[in-house]
Amino acid sequence: SAEDIIKARKRLGFDELLNIQQKLLKARMSKEIDPATRIKVNKGNIEKFKNTLPFDLTTSQERAIEEIHTDLKDPHPMKRLLQGDVGSGKTIVALISILPILEQGLQAAILAPTGILAQQHFQTISNLLGDKYKIALVTKETAKSVGSDMQLLIGTHAILSHKERLLNKLT
């Protein structure tokens, strides 16, 4: 009957929502169980780096960096998405966010959707950091020649394609 169809649809909808909720709960529980390296944040070093920038960070950028640094101190993996309009300063937020990781001798990666954007990020970040850290551009063309001793990998999905060789100390 039409009434049975309505009840069945409601039940299927409920079952689907329950399934989604169970998956989210399982993901949250695994985050609490899985250990992660605690990263110490040296605020003095962060401030020194910010003072070298030719611009001031916005309040939103400062807040995002602070939240990420707080998460890095946690003993559990961070799951965070940084989003913003083109030109809103996501790259500088990402860079400042990973500085404590690099300072501890660990490895970080920045993935870009295109080779051109990866090259732009590589140039910008290389100019800002100088030769303080070992930085590599990883694209389809360069991935095989990049050594596993790099501290910061900036590239495309090629990083993931060669992760066993490249990501030896990734946090």
Protein backbone atom coordinates (compact mmCIF):
# COMPACT_ATOMS: atom_id res chain seq x y z
CA SER A 1 0.00 0.00 0.00
CA ALA A 2 1.02 3.64 -0.29
CA GLU A 3 1.22 3.84 3.49
CA ASP A 4 3.64 0.88 3.60
CA ILE A 5 5.84 2.56 0.95
CA ILE A 6 6.04 5.77 3.02
CA LYS A 7 6.92 3.77 6.16
CA ALA A 8 9.56 1.78 4.23
CA ARG A 9 11.16 4.97 2.85
CA LYS A 10 11.29 6.49 6.32
CA ARG A 11 12.88 3.32 7.68
CA LEU A 12 15.47 3.22 4.87
CA GLY A 13 16.28 6.87 5.49
CA PHE A 14 16.67 6.20 9.20
CA ASP A 15 18.93 3.19 8.51
CA GLU A 16 21.09 5.28 6.18
CA LEU A 17 21.50 8.07 8.75
CA LEU A 18 22.25 5.52 11.47
CA ASN A 19 24.94 3.96 9.27
CA ILE A 20 26.53 7.36 8.61
CA GLN A 21 26.44 8.19 12.33
CA GLN A 22 28.08 4.86 13.20
CA LYS A 23 30.89 5.49 10.69
CA LEU A 24 31.51 8.96 12.11
CA LEU A 25 31.57 7.62 15.65
CA LYS A 26 33.99 4.86 14.64
CA ALA A 27 36.26 7.44 12.96
CA ARG A 28 36.19 9.62 16.08
CA MET A 29 37.00 6.66 18.32
CA SER A 30 39.93 5.59 16.14
CA LYS A 31 41.29 9.14 16.29
CA GLU A 32 41.29 8.92 20.07
CA ILE A 33 43.07 5.56 19.98
CA ASP A 34 45.63 6.20 17.21
CA PRO A 35 48.74 7.85 18.57
CA ALA A 36 50.38 10.81 16.90
CA THR A 37 53.66 12.58 17.49
CA ARG A 38 53.17 15.53 19.81
CA ILE A 39 54.70 18.60 18.24
CA LYS A 40 56.18 21.29 20.46
CA VAL A 41 55.47 24.79 19.23
CA ASN A 42 58.12 27.41 19.91
CA LYS A 43 56.06 30.58 19.80
CA GLY A 44 59.18 32.73 19.87
CA ASN A 45 60.47 31.17 16.65
CA ILE A 46 57.04 31.53 15.06
CA GLU A 47 56.93 35.24 15.95
CA LYS A 48 60.46 35.76 14.60
CA PHE A 49 59.42 34.19 11.31
CA LYS A 50 56.23 36.27 11.13
CA ASN A 51 58.31 39.41 11.66
CA THR A 52 60.33 38.60 8.53
CA LEU A 53 57.21 38.59 6.35
CA PRO A 54 56.66 41.62 4.12
CA PHE A 55 53.02 41.76 5.25
CA ASP A 56 50.90 41.33 8.36
CA LEU A 57 48.73 38.29 8.86
CA THR A 58 44.98 38.76 9.13
CA THR A 59 43.06 37.91 12.27
CA SER A 60 41.59 34.86 10.52
CA GLN A 61 45.04 33.64 9.49
CA GLU A 62 46.36 34.09 13.03
CA ARG A 63 43.37 32.20 14.44
CA ALA A 64 43.79 29.31 11.97
CA ILE A 65 47.50 29.02 12.78
CA GLU A 66 46.81 29.05 16.52
CA GLU A 67 44.14 26.33 16.17
CA ILE A 68 46.44 24.15 14.07
CA HIS A 69 49.33 24.59 16.51
CA THR A 70 47.00 23.61 19.35
CA ASP A 71 46.02 20.46 17.44
CA LEU A 72 49.68 19.60 16.81
CA LYS A 73 50.28 19.43 20.56
CA ASP A 74 47.55 16.79 20.87
CA PRO A 75 48.59 13.11 21.02
CA HIS A 76 46.00 12.23 18.36
CA PRO A 77 46.04 12.73 14.58
CA MET A 78 44.72 16.06 13.37
CA LYS A 79 42.01 16.10 10.76
CA ARG A 80 41.56 19.63 9.54
CA LEU A 81 40.68 21.31 6.26
CA LEU A 82 42.05 24.75 5.53
CA GLN A 83 39.92 26.51 2.98
CA GLY A 84 39.65 30.00 1.60
CA ASP A 85 39.33 32.03 -1.55
CA VAL A 86 42.16 32.33 -4.04
CA GLY A 87 44.69 34.78 -2.62
CA SER A 88 43.36 34.55 0.93
CA GLY A 89 46.69 33.37 2.36
CA LYS A 90 46.24 29.62 2.74
CA THR A 91 49.84 28.95 1.71
CA ILE A 92 51.36 31.17 4.40
CA VAL A 93 49.01 29.66 7.01
CA ALA A 94 50.11 26.18 5.93
CA LEU A 95 53.77 27.15 6.03
CA ILE A 96 53.63 28.73 9.49
CA SER A 97 51.57 25.79 10.71
CA ILE A 98 54.25 23.27 9.70
CA LEU A 99 57.28 25.21 10.96
CA PRO A 100 57.21 23.43 14.36
CA ILE A 101 57.21 20.09 12.55
CA LEU A 102 60.28 21.05 10.55
CA GLU A 103 61.98 22.44 13.66
CA GLN A 104 61.65 19.02 15.29
CA GLY A 105 63.41 17.36 12.37
CA LEU A 106 60.24 15.73 11.10
CA GLN A 107 58.89 15.80 7.59
CA ALA A 108 55.90 17.63 6.12
CA ALA A 109 54.24 17.73 2.73
CA ILE A 110 52.14 20.34 0.96
CA LEU A 111 50.05 18.99 -1.88
CA ALA A 112 48.84 21.17 -4.72
CA PRO A 113 46.28 20.16 -7.35
CA THR A 114 48.46 21.16 -10.33
CA GLY A 115 52.14 21.24 -11.19
CA ILE A 116 51.99 24.97 -11.86
CA LEU A 117 50.55 25.69 -8.41
CA ALA A 118 53.10 23.34 -6.82
CA GLN A 119 55.90 25.28 -8.54
CA GLN A 120 54.45 28.58 -7.32
CA HIS A 121 54.24 27.26 -3.75
CA PHE A 122 57.78 25.90 -4.01
CA GLN A 123 59.15 29.27 -5.18
CA THR A 124 57.26 31.27 -2.56
CA ILE A 125 58.18 28.97 0.32
CA SER A 126 61.79 28.60 -0.79
CA ASN A 127 62.13 32.39 -0.86
CA LEU A 128 60.63 32.70 2.62
CA LEU A 129 62.65 29.91 4.24
CA GLY A 130 65.93 30.30 2.38
CA ASP A 131 68.25 27.37 2.92
CA LYS A 132 67.20 26.64 6.51
CA TYR A 133 65.40 23.41 5.54
CA LYS A 134 65.76 20.85 2.77
CA ILE A 135 62.82 21.56 0.44
CA ALA A 136 61.95 19.65 -2.71
CA LEU A 137 59.49 20.15 -5.54
CA VAL A 138 57.83 16.83 -6.29
CA THR A 139 55.97 16.47 -9.56
CA LYS A 140 55.51 13.59 -11.97
CA GLU A 141 58.71 14.69 -13.70
CA THR A 142 60.88 15.20 -10.59
CA ALA A 143 59.61 12.56 -8.14
CA LYS A 144 62.20 9.89 -8.99
CA SER A 145 65.13 12.27 -8.48
CA VAL A 146 64.03 13.64 -5.09
CA GLY A 147 65.87 12.17 -2.13
CA SER A 148 64.17 10.80 0.97
CA ASP A 149 66.14 13.20 3.18
CA MET A 150 63.92 16.17 2.28
CA GLN A 151 62.20 17.85 5.20
CA LEU A 152 59.49 19.64 3.22
CA LEU A 153 57.94 18.17 0.11
CA ILE A 154 55.89 20.52 -2.02
CA GLY A 155 54.18 18.94 -4.97
CA THR A 156 51.34 17.22 -6.68
CA HIS A 157 49.81 13.78 -6.16
CA ALA A 158 53.24 12.47 -7.23
CA ILE A 159 54.17 12.73 -3.55
CA LEU A 160 51.54 10.11 -2.78
CA SER A 161 52.57 7.94 -5.73
CA HIS A 162 56.12 7.76 -4.34
CA LYS A 163 55.25 7.97 -0.64
CA GLU A 164 57.08 4.78 0.41
CA ARG A 165 60.37 6.28 -0.78
CA LEU A 166 59.77 9.96 -0.01
CA LEU A 167 57.82 10.04 3.21
CA ASN A 168 60.21 8.54 5.71
CA LYS A 169 59.55 10.89 8.62
CA LEU A 170 56.16 12.34 7.74
CA THR A 171 54.05 13.45 10.66
